[in-house]
Amino acid sequence: MQVTGHVIRSRYTYVRKQGEEAFARVIAQLGPEGRKIMEEGPLETVWYPYDVYIELSTTIDRVLGKGDLQLVFEMGSFSCEHNLTGIYRVFFRFGNINFLVDRAAKAWHSQYDFGVMKTIRDPDNKYRVALELSEVPRPSLVLFLAVKGWVVKAAQLCGSELTKMEDEFSDEPGSTMRWVFEYL
């Protein structure tokens, strides 16, 4: 299981924005592979092990946060804002959260080499959409919270107001993660 350097790079940028001392504290707590990636700076075109992504995210949360994975949610949000207001800002021309979530589902494999992501529309409520991620061999709350942070921020950036959010997570191999949200 691997993630693209684009995903790792957003964590790297998040930590760098916290300052040199924060960066040094995080690096000091990483294992050899994670430390090397962070010291050299992750390349967006390279694929990195999923386990390094998990270690990096949990270490950042433990060192710079409270160890409750709240920073993982924030890093997902940061990643969305950093990328969607930058290189992917073209998607905002459509100003529609449904369009953006559809694009994200279709682009899943450009960032992760595992799992199947799809959107599910509610035929009775055009303001309700579900995002599902299935077939993940080793589900992690880190991945779940990062995607949730991304979706919440994407809705905000599109000018949508989230009125309700439900989600489901299980760490059983192959289980389906779900994020269901309603918006105005």
C-alpha atoms as a PDB file:
ATOM      1  CA  MET A   1       0.000   0.000   0.000  1.00  0.00           C
ATOM      2  CA  GLN A   2       1.384   3.351  -1.064  1.00  0.00           C
ATOM      3  CA  VAL A   3       0.473   7.036  -1.162  1.00  0.00           C
ATOM      4  CA  THR A   4       1.801   9.596  -3.552  1.00  0.00           C
ATOM      5  CA  GLY A   5       4.342  12.177  -2.498  1.00  0.00           C
ATOM      6  CA  HIS A   6       1.637  14.774  -3.009  1.00  0.00           C
ATOM      7  CA  VAL A   7      -0.108  13.460   0.139  1.00  0.00           C
ATOM      8  CA  ILE A   8       3.137  13.308   2.123  1.00  0.00           C
ATOM      9  CA  ARG A   9       4.166  16.746   0.860  1.00  0.00           C
ATOM     10  CA  SER A  10       1.073  18.369   2.351  1.00  0.00           C
ATOM     11  CA  ARG A  11       2.026  16.971   5.800  1.00  0.00           C
ATOM     12  CA  TYR A  12       5.578  18.205   5.275  1.00  0.00           C
ATOM     13  CA  THR A  13       4.305  21.679   4.362  1.00  0.00           C
ATOM     14  CA  TYR A  14       1.939  21.692   7.339  1.00  0.00           C
ATOM     15  CA  VAL A  15       4.807  20.989   9.741  1.00  0.00           C
ATOM     16  CA  ARG A  16       7.135  23.484   8.030  1.00  0.00           C
ATOM     17  CA  LYS A  17       4.516  26.203   8.536  1.00  0.00           C
ATOM     18  CA  GLN A  18       4.678  25.496  12.286  1.00  0.00           C
ATOM     19  CA  GLY A  19       8.311  26.634  12.360  1.00  0.00           C
ATOM     20  CA  GLU A  20      11.809  25.165  12.542  1.00  0.00           C
ATOM     21  CA  GLU A  21      11.523  24.067  16.170  1.00  0.00           C
ATOM     22  CA  ALA A  22       8.297  22.152  15.457  1.00  0.00           C
ATOM     23  CA  PHE A  23       9.879  20.572  12.387  1.00  0.00           C
ATOM     24  CA  ALA A  24      12.921  19.449  14.421  1.00  0.00           C
ATOM     25  CA  ARG A  25      10.706  18.006  17.178  1.00  0.00           C
ATOM     26  CA  VAL A  26       8.699  15.972  14.677  1.00  0.00           C
ATOM     27  CA  ILE A  27      11.779  14.672  12.855  1.00  0.00           C
ATOM     28  CA  ALA A  28      13.355  13.601  16.157  1.00  0.00           C
ATOM     29  CA  GLN A  29      10.355  11.328  16.841  1.00  0.00           C
ATOM     30  CA  LEU A  30      10.171   9.650  13.418  1.00  0.00           C
ATOM     31  CA  GLY A  31      11.651   6.310  12.453  1.00  0.00           C
ATOM     32  CA  PRO A  32      14.541   6.196   9.968  1.00  0.00           C
ATOM     33  CA  GLU A  33      12.451   6.073   6.782  1.00  0.00           C
ATOM     34  CA  GLY A  34      10.077   8.865   7.791  1.00  0.00           C
ATOM     35  CA  ARG A  35      12.954  10.995   9.068  1.00  0.00           C
ATOM     36  CA  LYS A  36      14.844  10.621   5.778  1.00  0.00           C
ATOM     37  CA  ILE A  37      11.784  11.589   3.730  1.00  0.00           C
ATOM     38  CA  MET A  38      11.132  14.668   5.850  1.00  0.00           C
ATOM     39  CA  GLU A  39      14.782  15.755   5.933  1.00  0.00           C
ATOM     40  CA  GLU A  40      15.138  15.430   2.161  1.00  0.00           C
ATOM     41  CA  GLY A  41      11.671  16.811   1.458  1.00  0.00           C
ATOM     42  CA  PRO A  42       9.123  14.472  -0.130  1.00  0.00           C
ATOM     43  CA  LEU A  43       8.851  14.511  -3.897  1.00  0.00           C
ATOM     44  CA  GLU A  44       5.296  14.803  -5.214  1.00  0.00           C
ATOM     45  CA  THR A  45       5.947  12.373  -8.071  1.00  0.00           C
ATOM     46  CA  VAL A  46       7.276   9.562  -5.859  1.00  0.00           C
ATOM     47  CA  TRP A  47       5.137   6.927  -4.134  1.00  0.00           C
ATOM     48  CA  TYR A  48       5.771   6.311  -0.423  1.00  0.00           C
ATOM     49  CA  PRO A  49       4.695   3.471   1.879  1.00  0.00           C
ATOM     50  CA  TYR A  50       1.270   3.831   3.522  1.00  0.00           C
ATOM     51  CA  ASP A  51       2.888   2.917   6.834  1.00  0.00           C
ATOM     52  CA  VAL A  52       5.157   5.981   6.584  1.00  0.00           C
ATOM     53  CA  TYR A  53       2.102   8.167   5.927  1.00  0.00           C
ATOM     54  CA  ILE A  54       0.411   6.738   9.038  1.00  0.00           C
ATOM     55  CA  GLU A  55       3.565   7.122  11.151  1.00  0.00           C
ATOM     56  CA  LEU A  56       4.135  10.664   9.930  1.00  0.00           C
ATOM     57  CA  SER A  57       0.532  11.707  10.613  1.00  0.00           C
ATOM     58  CA  THR A  58       0.379  10.155  14.087  1.00  0.00           C
ATOM     59  CA  THR A  59       3.780  11.551  15.035  1.00  0.00           C
ATOM     60  CA  ILE A  60       2.807  15.064  13.971  1.00  0.00           C
ATOM     61  CA  ASP A  61      -0.417  14.727  15.967  1.00  0.00           C
ATOM     62  CA  ARG A  62       1.396  13.432  19.058  1.00  0.00           C
ATOM     63  CA  VAL A  63       4.259  15.961  18.940  1.00  0.00           C
ATOM     64  CA  LEU A  64       2.406  19.096  17.847  1.00  0.00           C
ATOM     65  CA  GLY A  65      -1.070  18.238  19.098  1.00  0.00           C
ATOM     66  CA  LYS A  66      -2.637  16.301  21.926  1.00  0.00           C
ATOM     67  CA  GLY A  67      -2.282  12.805  20.512  1.00  0.00           C
ATOM     68  CA  ASP A  68      -6.049  12.625  19.918  1.00  0.00           C
ATOM     69  CA  LEU A  69      -5.769  12.687  16.086  1.00  0.00           C
ATOM     70  CA  GLN A  70      -7.447  16.116  15.878  1.00  0.00           C
ATOM     71  CA  LEU A  71      -4.429  17.405  13.964  1.00  0.00           C
ATOM     72  CA  VAL A  72      -4.942  14.607  11.430  1.00  0.00           C
ATOM     73  CA  PHE A  73      -8.368  16.103  10.671  1.00  0.00           C
ATOM     74  CA  GLU A  74      -6.753  19.557  10.476  1.00  0.00           C
ATOM     75  CA  MET A  75      -4.034  18.269   8.132  1.00  0.00           C
ATOM     76  CA  GLY A  76      -6.734  16.857   5.835  1.00  0.00           C
ATOM     77  CA  SER A  77      -8.370  20.277   5.857  1.00  0.00           C
ATOM     78  CA  PHE A  78      -5.016  21.972   5.278  1.00  0.00           C
ATOM     79  CA  SER A  79      -4.266  19.631   2.378  1.00  0.00           C
ATOM     80  CA  CYS A  80      -7.573  20.487   0.734  1.00  0.00           C
ATOM     81  CA  GLU A  81      -7.131  24.216   1.105  1.00  0.00           C
ATOM     82  CA  HIS A  82      -3.474  24.139   0.102  1.00  0.00           C
ATOM     83  CA  ASN A  83      -4.108  22.066  -3.023  1.00  0.00           C
ATOM     84  CA  LEU A  84      -7.529  23.286  -4.108  1.00  0.00           C
ATOM     85  CA  THR A  85      -6.671  26.949  -3.835  1.00  0.00           C
ATOM     86  CA  GLY A  86      -3.410  26.252  -5.604  1.00  0.00           C
ATOM     87  CA  ILE A  87      -2.831  23.783  -8.393  1.00  0.00           C
ATOM     88  CA  TYR A  88      -6.424  22.450  -8.493  1.00  0.00           C
ATOM     89  CA  ARG A  89      -8.279  25.770  -8.221  1.00  0.00           C
ATOM     90  CA  VAL A  90      -9.827  25.132 -11.637  1.00  0.00           C
ATOM     91  CA  PHE A  91     -12.371  22.893  -9.882  1.00  0.00           C
ATOM     92  CA  PHE A  92     -13.821  25.904  -8.060  1.00  0.00           C
ATOM     93  CA  ARG A  93     -14.958  27.434 -11.308  1.00  0.00           C
ATOM     94  CA  PHE A  94     -17.851  25.029 -11.132  1.00  0.00           C
ATOM     95  CA  GLY A  95     -18.671  26.117  -7.544  1.00  0.00           C
ATOM     96  CA  ASN A  96     -20.405  22.867  -6.774  1.00  0.00           C
ATOM     97  CA  ILE A  97     -19.530  20.487  -3.952  1.00  0.00           C
ATOM     98  CA  ASN A  98     -21.096  17.565  -5.850  1.00  0.00           C
ATOM     99  CA  PHE A  99     -18.768  18.149  -8.775  1.00  0.00           C
ATOM    100  CA  LEU A 100     -15.759  18.470  -6.470  1.00  0.00           C
ATOM    101  CA  VAL A 101     -16.539  15.286  -4.529  1.00  0.00           C
ATOM    102  CA  ASP A 102     -17.088  13.397  -7.801  1.00  0.00           C
ATOM    103  CA  ARG A 103     -13.686  14.591  -9.034  1.00  0.00           C
ATOM    104  CA  ALA A 104     -12.055  13.560  -5.749  1.00  0.00           C
ATOM    105  CA  ALA A 105     -13.546  10.063  -5.974  1.00  0.00           C
ATOM    106  CA  LYS A 106     -12.389   9.658  -9.562  1.00  0.00           C
ATOM    107  CA  ALA A 107      -8.912  10.943  -8.667  1.00  0.00           C
ATOM    108  CA  TRP A 108      -8.473   8.650  -5.637  1.00  0.00           C
ATOM    109  CA  HIS A 109      -6.034   6.367  -7.441  1.00  0.00           C
ATOM    110  CA  SER A 110      -3.858   9.286  -8.459  1.00  0.00           C
ATOM    111  CA  GLN A 111      -3.059   9.667  -4.724  1.00  0.00           C
ATOM    112  CA  TYR A 112      -3.471   6.152  -3.268  1.00  0.00           C
ATOM    113  CA  ASP A 113      -2.778   2.764  -4.835  1.00  0.00           C
ATOM    114  CA  PHE A 114      -5.461   0.969  -2.810  1.00  0.00           C
ATOM    115  CA  GLY A 115      -9.174   1.139  -2.119  1.00  0.00           C
ATOM    116  CA  VAL A 116     -12.151   2.120  -4.214  1.00  0.00           C
ATOM    117  CA  MET A 117     -13.780   5.520  -3.682  1.00  0.00           C
ATOM    118  CA  LYS A 118     -17.188   6.453  -5.023  1.00  0.00           C
ATOM    119  CA  THR A 119     -19.935   8.987  -4.468  1.00  0.00           C
ATOM    120  CA  ILE A 120     -23.530   8.023  -3.825  1.00  0.00           C
ATOM    121  CA  ARG A 121     -26.352  10.464  -4.421  1.00  0.00           C
ATOM    122  CA  ASP A 122     -29.580  10.503  -2.461  1.00  0.00           C
ATOM    123  CA  PRO A 123     -32.337  10.457  -5.123  1.00  0.00           C
ATOM    124  CA  ASP A 124     -34.733  12.152  -2.698  1.00  0.00           C
ATOM    125  CA  ASN A 125     -32.384  14.918  -1.545  1.00  0.00           C
ATOM    126  CA  LYS A 126     -30.031  16.647  -3.993  1.00  0.00           C
ATOM    127  CA  TYR A 127     -28.247  18.277  -1.020  1.00  0.00           C
ATOM    128  CA  ARG A 128     -27.217  14.948   0.495  1.00  0.00           C
ATOM    129  CA  VAL A 129     -24.231  13.009  -0.781  1.00  0.00           C
ATOM    130  CA  ALA A 130     -22.194  10.098   0.515  1.00  0.00           C
ATOM    131  CA  LEU A 131     -18.557   9.405  -0.139  1.00  0.00           C
ATOM    132  CA  GLU A 132     -17.510   5.776   0.319  1.00  0.00           C
ATOM    133  CA  LEU A 133     -14.069   4.225   0.474  1.00  0.00           C
ATOM    134  CA  SER A 134     -14.010   0.440   0.312  1.00  0.00           C
ATOM    135  CA  GLU A 135     -11.522  -2.379  -0.184  1.00  0.00           C
ATOM    136  CA  VAL A 136      -8.840  -0.847   2.034  1.00  0.00           C
ATOM    137  CA  PRO A 137      -6.634  -3.740   3.210  1.00  0.00           C
ATOM    138  CA  ARG A 138      -5.579  -1.920   6.413  1.00  0.00           C
ATOM    139  CA  PRO A 139      -8.074   0.808   7.322  1.00  0.00           C
ATOM    140  CA  SER A 140      -6.751   3.470   9.655  1.00  0.00           C
ATOM    141  CA  LEU A 141      -8.482   6.160  11.655  1.00  0.00           C
ATOM    142  CA  VAL A 142      -5.709   8.443  10.356  1.00  0.00           C
ATOM    143  CA  LEU A 143      -6.853   7.986   6.760  1.00  0.00           C
ATOM    144  CA  PHE A 144     -10.511   8.286   7.772  1.00  0.00           C
ATOM    145  CA  LEU A 145     -10.025  11.578   9.648  1.00  0.00           C
ATOM    146  CA  ALA A 146      -7.784  13.063   6.953  1.00  0.00           C
ATOM    147  CA  VAL A 147     -10.419  12.406   4.277  1.00  0.00           C
ATOM    148  CA  LYS A 148     -13.126  13.792   6.561  1.00  0.00           C
ATOM    149  CA  GLY A 149     -11.098  16.980   7.089  1.00  0.00           C
ATOM    150  CA  TRP A 150     -10.613  17.257   3.335  1.00  0.00           C
ATOM    151  CA  VAL A 151     -14.347  16.885   2.597  1.00  0.00           C
ATOM    152  CA  VAL A 152     -15.401  19.419   5.245  1.00  0.00           C
ATOM    153  CA  LYS A 153     -12.911  21.986   3.919  1.00  0.00           C
ATOM    154  CA  ALA A 154     -13.905  21.301   0.291  1.00  0.00           C
ATOM    155  CA  ALA A 155     -17.525  22.080   1.148  1.00  0.00           C
ATOM    156  CA  GLN A 156     -16.477  25.327   2.830  1.00  0.00           C
ATOM    157  CA  LEU A 157     -14.276  26.367  -0.075  1.00  0.00           C
ATOM    158  CA  CYS A 158     -17.150  25.776  -2.491  1.00  0.00           C
ATOM    159  CA  GLY A 159     -19.330  28.076  -0.408  1.00  0.00           C
ATOM    160  CA  SER A 160     -21.522  25.247   0.840  1.00  0.00           C
ATOM    161  CA  GLU A 161     -22.744  25.189   4.404  1.00  0.00           C
ATOM    162  CA  LEU A 162     -22.637  21.720   5.948  1.00  0.00           C
ATOM    163  CA  THR A 163     -25.849  21.217   7.873  1.00  0.00           C
ATOM    164  CA  LYS A 164     -25.335  17.576   8.845  1.00  0.00           C
ATOM    165  CA  MET A 165     -22.460  15.117   8.746  1.00  0.00           C
ATOM    166  CA  GLU A 166     -22.526  11.415   9.536  1.00  0.00           C
ATOM    167  CA  ASP A 167     -19.663   9.014   9.176  1.00  0.00           C
ATOM    168  CA  GLU A 168     -18.791   5.370   9.683  1.00  0.00           C
ATOM    169  CA  PHE A 169     -15.408   3.835  10.365  1.00  0.00           C
ATOM    170  CA  SER A 170     -14.245   0.317  11.099  1.00  0.00           C
ATOM    171  CA  ASP A 171     -10.672  -0.897  11.236  1.00  0.00           C
ATOM    172  CA  GLU A 172     -11.694  -4.321   9.904  1.00  0.00           C
ATOM    173  CA  PRO A 173      -9.696  -5.130   6.743  1.00  0.00           C
ATOM    174  CA  GLY A 174     -11.764  -4.480   3.637  1.00  0.00           C
ATOM    175  CA  SER A 175     -14.474  -2.559   5.511  1.00  0.00           C
ATOM    176  CA  THR A 176     -16.147   0.501   4.002  1.00  0.00           C
ATOM    177  CA  MET A 177     -15.576   3.993   5.338  1.00  0.00           C
ATOM    178  CA  ARG A 178     -18.448   6.422   4.761  1.00  0.00           C
ATOM    179  CA  TRP A 179     -18.886  10.149   5.007  1.00  0.00           C
ATOM    180  CA  VAL A 180     -22.444  11.348   4.474  1.00  0.00           C
ATOM    181  CA  PHE A 181     -23.156  15.038   4.445  1.00  0.00           C
ATOM    182  CA  GLU A 182     -25.967  17.432   3.787  1.00  0.00           C
ATOM    183  CA  TYR A 183     -25.328  20.995   2.751  1.00  0.00           C
ATOM    184  CA  LEU A 184     -27.007  24.183   1.621  1.00  0.00           C
END
